[in-house]
Amino acid sequence: MLKDIIEVIPHDNYQLYLKFEDGKEGIVDVNQLIEFTGIFAPLKDFNYFKTVKINS
């Protein structure tokens, strides 16, 4: 079963700190997961990337 993300903090180099409802946490390197093209192209702008938030 998927756990909800309860905290997200952007880091340098397109990395995100994620904390899940079960207490697990870690850093995800978004740069390794997606190409910044198509729908993800706006994320190339690091200032925009840093506006990440949890959708309640």
C-alpha atoms as a PDB file:
ATOM      1  CA  MET A   1       0.000   0.000   0.000  1.00  0.00           C
ATOM      2  CA  LEU A   2       1.315   3.445  -0.902  1.00  0.00           C
ATOM      3  CA  LYS A   3       1.956   5.811   1.968  1.00  0.00           C
ATOM      4  CA  ASP A   4       1.183   9.524   1.764  1.00  0.00           C
ATOM      5  CA  ILE A   5       3.988  12.052   1.625  1.00  0.00           C
ATOM      6  CA  ILE A   6       3.663  14.381   4.614  1.00  0.00           C
ATOM      7  CA  GLU A   7       6.697  16.604   4.048  1.00  0.00           C
ATOM      8  CA  VAL A   8       8.701  17.710   1.026  1.00  0.00           C
ATOM      9  CA  ILE A   9      11.737  19.996   0.972  1.00  0.00           C
ATOM     10  CA  PRO A  10      13.577  20.909  -2.237  1.00  0.00           C
ATOM     11  CA  HIS A  11      17.369  20.616  -2.231  1.00  0.00           C
ATOM     12  CA  ASP A  12      20.066  21.651  -4.700  1.00  0.00           C
ATOM     13  CA  ASN A  13      20.595  19.697  -7.919  1.00  0.00           C
ATOM     14  CA  TYR A  14      16.901  18.830  -8.309  1.00  0.00           C
ATOM     15  CA  GLN A  15      16.741  16.638  -5.250  1.00  0.00           C
ATOM     16  CA  LEU A  16      13.763  16.372  -2.932  1.00  0.00           C
ATOM     17  CA  TYR A  17      13.670  15.337   0.693  1.00  0.00           C
ATOM     18  CA  LEU A  18      10.496  13.279   1.202  1.00  0.00           C
ATOM     19  CA  LYS A  19       8.967  12.096   4.458  1.00  0.00           C
ATOM     20  CA  PHE A  20       6.136   9.579   4.431  1.00  0.00           C
ATOM     21  CA  GLU A  21       3.304   9.061   6.906  1.00  0.00           C
ATOM     22  CA  ASP A  22       4.924   5.867   8.190  1.00  0.00           C
ATOM     23  CA  GLY A  23       8.050   7.811   9.231  1.00  0.00           C
ATOM     24  CA  LYS A  24      10.257   6.705   6.348  1.00  0.00           C
ATOM     25  CA  GLU A  25      12.250   9.490   4.739  1.00  0.00           C
ATOM     26  CA  GLY A  26      14.926  10.046   2.174  1.00  0.00           C
ATOM     27  CA  ILE A  27      16.271  12.046  -0.729  1.00  0.00           C
ATOM     28  CA  VAL A  28      14.985  11.491  -4.271  1.00  0.00           C
ATOM     29  CA  ASP A  29      17.092  12.712  -7.193  1.00  0.00           C
ATOM     30  CA  VAL A  30      14.430  13.934  -9.610  1.00  0.00           C
ATOM     31  CA  ASN A  31      17.122  14.612 -12.211  1.00  0.00           C
ATOM     32  CA  GLN A  32      17.643  10.828 -12.433  1.00  0.00           C
ATOM     33  CA  LEU A  33      13.920  10.038 -12.700  1.00  0.00           C
ATOM     34  CA  ILE A  34      12.611  12.351 -15.416  1.00  0.00           C
ATOM     35  CA  GLU A  35      13.725  14.248 -18.469  1.00  0.00           C
ATOM     36  CA  PHE A  36      12.862  17.937 -18.279  1.00  0.00           C
ATOM     37  CA  THR A  37      10.920  17.867 -21.544  1.00  0.00           C
ATOM     38  CA  GLY A  38       7.255  17.950 -22.460  1.00  0.00           C
ATOM     39  CA  ILE A  39       5.033  18.338 -19.429  1.00  0.00           C
ATOM     40  CA  PHE A  40       8.128  18.403 -17.171  1.00  0.00           C
ATOM     41  CA  ALA A  41       9.907  21.199 -19.118  1.00  0.00           C
ATOM     42  CA  PRO A  42       8.891  23.963 -16.653  1.00  0.00           C
ATOM     43  CA  LEU A  43      10.813  22.123 -13.926  1.00  0.00           C
ATOM     44  CA  LYS A  44      14.081  23.063 -15.670  1.00  0.00           C
ATOM     45  CA  ASP A  45      13.618  26.450 -14.008  1.00  0.00           C
ATOM     46  CA  PHE A  46      15.094  25.670 -10.593  1.00  0.00           C
ATOM     47  CA  ASN A  47      13.178  28.539  -8.976  1.00  0.00           C
ATOM     48  CA  TYR A  48       9.963  26.914 -10.166  1.00  0.00           C
ATOM     49  CA  PHE A  49      11.155  23.470  -9.040  1.00  0.00           C
ATOM     50  CA  LYS A  50      11.680  24.881  -5.532  1.00  0.00           C
ATOM     51  CA  THR A  51       7.969  25.788  -5.285  1.00  0.00           C
ATOM     52  CA  VAL A  52       7.140  22.115  -4.750  1.00  0.00           C
ATOM     53  CA  LYS A  53       4.414  21.497  -2.188  1.00  0.00           C
ATOM     54  CA  ILE A  54       2.170  18.725  -0.970  1.00  0.00           C
ATOM     55  CA  ASN A  55      -1.305  18.694  -2.461  1.00  0.00           C
ATOM     56  CA  SER A  56      -3.705  18.146   0.402  1.00  0.00           C
END
